[in-house]
């Protein structure tokens, strides 16, 4: 479970720094 949390934290951090990039990735998947 800690691995999922780690990925979520990383994604949240990326979203805060690069919202457009995060949106693009979310749209692709």
PDB file of N, CA and C in Angstrom:
ATOM      1  N   UNK A   1       0.830  -1.216   0.000  1.00  0.00           N
ATOM      2  CA  UNK A   1       0.000   0.000   0.000  1.00  0.00           C
ATOM      3  C   UNK A   1       0.862   1.263   0.000  1.00  0.00           C
ATOM      4  N   UNK A   2       2.011   1.200   0.641  1.00  0.00           N
ATOM      5  CA  UNK A   2       2.864   2.403   0.698  1.00  0.00           C
ATOM      6  C   UNK A   2       3.347   2.775  -0.696  1.00  0.00           C
ATOM      7  N   UNK A   3       3.426   1.774  -1.600  1.00  0.00           N
ATOM      8  CA  UNK A   3       3.861   2.086  -2.962  1.00  0.00           C
ATOM      9  C   UNK A   3       2.814   2.935  -3.665  1.00  0.00           C
ATOM     10  N   UNK A   4       1.559   2.599  -3.471  1.00  0.00           N
ATOM     11  CA  UNK A   4       0.476   3.374  -4.081  1.00  0.00           C
ATOM     12  C   UNK A   4       0.486   4.790  -3.531  1.00  0.00           C
ATOM     13  N   UNK A   5       0.673   4.904  -2.225  1.00  0.00           N
ATOM     14  CA  UNK A   5       0.707   6.234  -1.613  1.00  0.00           C
ATOM     15  C   UNK A   5       1.862   7.046  -2.170  1.00  0.00           C
ATOM     16  N   UNK A   6       2.983   6.385  -2.367  1.00  0.00           N
ATOM     17  CA  UNK A   6       4.163   7.070  -2.893  1.00  0.00           C
ATOM     18  C   UNK A   6       3.877   7.613  -4.289  1.00  0.00           C
ATOM     19  N   UNK A   7       3.245   6.792  -5.119  1.00  0.00           N
ATOM     20  CA  UNK A   7       2.904   7.229  -6.474  1.00  0.00           C
ATOM     21  C   UNK A   7       1.900   8.365  -6.436  1.00  0.00           C
ATOM     22  N   UNK A   8       0.937   8.270  -5.537  1.00  0.00           N
ATOM     23  CA  UNK A   8      -0.069   9.330  -5.429  1.00  0.00           C
ATOM     24  C   UNK A   8       0.581  10.639  -5.009  1.00  0.00           C
ATOM     25  N   UNK A   9       1.477  10.569  -4.031  1.00  0.00           N
ATOM     26  CA  UNK A   9       2.170  11.780  -3.577  1.00  0.00           C
ATOM     27  C   UNK A   9       2.995  12.377  -4.699  1.00  0.00           C
ATOM     28  N   UNK A  10       3.646  11.514  -5.474  1.00  0.00           N
ATOM     29  CA  UNK A  10       4.460  11.984  -6.587  1.00  0.00           C
ATOM     30  C   UNK A  10       3.583  12.654  -7.636  1.00  0.00           C
ATOM     31  N   UNK A  11       2.422  12.040  -7.909  1.00  0.00           N
ATOM     32  CA  UNK A  11       1.508  12.602  -8.906  1.00  0.00           C
ATOM     33  C   UNK A  11       0.979  13.953  -8.440  1.00  0.00           C
ATOM     34  N   UNK A  12       0.629  14.047  -7.163  1.00  0.00           N
ATOM     35  CA  UNK A  12       0.130  15.309  -6.610  1.00  0.00           C
ATOM     36  C   UNK A  12       1.204  16.379  -6.708  1.00  0.00           C
ATOM     37  N   UNK A  13       2.440  16.003  -6.392  1.00  0.00           N
ATOM     38  CA  UNK A  13       3.547  16.960  -6.460  1.00  0.00           C
ATOM     39  C   UNK A  13       3.741  17.436  -7.895  1.00  0.00           C
ATOM     40  N   UNK A  14       3.647  16.496  -8.841  1.00  0.00           N
ATOM     41  CA  UNK A  14       3.799  16.852 -10.257  1.00  0.00           C
ATOM     42  C   UNK A  14       2.658  17.752 -10.703  1.00  0.00           C
ATOM     43  N   UNK A  15       1.452  17.455 -10.218  1.00  0.00           N
ATOM     44  CA  UNK A  15       0.287  18.257 -10.597  1.00  0.00           C
ATOM     45  C   UNK A  15       0.453  19.691 -10.120  1.00  0.00           C
ATOM     46  N   UNK A  16       1.009  19.851  -8.939  1.00  0.00           N
ATOM     47  CA  UNK A  16       1.184  21.204  -8.395  1.00  0.00           C
ATOM     48  C   UNK A  16       2.243  21.975  -9.171  1.00  0.00           C
ATOM     49  N   UNK A  17       3.288  21.280  -9.592  1.00  0.00           N
ATOM     50  CA  UNK A  17       4.383  21.957 -10.297  1.00  0.00           C
ATOM     51  C   UNK A  17       4.082  22.125 -11.781  1.00  0.00           C
ATOM     52  N   UNK A  18       3.496  21.086 -12.381  1.00  0.00           N
ATOM     53  CA  UNK A  18       3.217  21.133 -13.824  1.00  0.00           C
ATOM     54  C   UNK A  18       1.777  20.694 -14.086  1.00  0.00           C
ATOM     55  N   UNK A  19       0.811  21.550 -13.800  1.00  0.00           N
ATOM     56  CA  UNK A  19      -0.608  21.194 -13.960  1.00  0.00           C
ATOM     57  C   UNK A  19      -0.945  20.790 -15.391  1.00  0.00           C
ATOM     58  N   UNK A  20      -0.409  21.504 -16.372  1.00  0.00           N
ATOM     59  CA  UNK A  20      -0.722  21.176 -17.768  1.00  0.00           C
ATOM     60  C   UNK A  20      -0.194  19.799 -18.138  1.00  0.00           C
ATOM     61  N   UNK A  21       1.017  19.500 -17.714  1.00  0.00           N
ATOM     62  CA  UNK A  21       1.599  18.191 -18.021  1.00  0.00           C
ATOM     63  C   UNK A  21       0.795  17.082 -17.353  1.00  0.00           C
ATOM     64  N   UNK A  22       0.370  17.325 -16.129  1.00  0.00           N
ATOM     65  CA  UNK A  22      -0.413  16.331 -15.402  1.00  0.00           C
ATOM     66  C   UNK A  22      -1.751  16.101 -16.095  1.00  0.00           C
ATOM     67  N   UNK A  23      -2.365  17.175 -16.576  1.00  0.00           N
ATOM     68  CA  UNK A  23      -3.652  17.037 -17.269  1.00  0.00           C
ATOM     69  C   UNK A  23      -3.477  16.228 -18.547  1.00  0.00           C
ATOM     70  N   UNK A  24      -2.383  16.480 -19.247  1.00  0.00           N
ATOM     71  CA  UNK A  24      -2.130  15.743 -20.489  1.00  0.00           C
ATOM     72  C   UNK A  24      -1.963  14.262 -20.197  1.00  0.00           C
ATOM     73  N   UNK A  25      -1.230  13.945 -19.153  1.00  0.00           N
ATOM     74  CA  UNK A  25      -1.024  12.539 -18.800  1.00  0.00           C
ATOM     75  C   UNK A  25      -2.339  11.895 -18.396  1.00  0.00           C
ATOM     76  N   UNK A  26      -3.166  12.621 -17.663  1.00  0.00           N
ATOM     77  CA  UNK A  26      -4.445  12.076 -17.216  1.00  0.00           C
ATOM     78  C   UNK A  26      -5.350  11.807 -18.416  1.00  0.00           C
ATOM     79  N   UNK A  27      -5.261  12.660 -19.426  1.00  0.00           N
ATOM     80  CA  UNK A  27      -6.104  12.488 -20.610  1.00  0.00           C
ATOM     81  C   UNK A  27      -5.654  11.279 -21.425  1.00  0.00           C
ATOM     82  N   UNK A  28      -4.345  11.042 -21.459  1.00  0.00           N
ATOM     83  CA  UNK A  28      -3.814   9.940 -22.257  1.00  0.00           C
ATOM     84  C   UNK A  28      -4.166   8.590 -21.656  1.00  0.00           C
ATOM     85  N   UNK A  29      -4.206   8.492 -20.361  1.00  0.00           N
ATOM     86  CA  UNK A  29      -4.474   7.207 -19.724  1.00  0.00           C
ATOM     87  C   UNK A  29      -5.950   6.950 -19.556  1.00  0.00           C
TER      88      UNK A  29
END
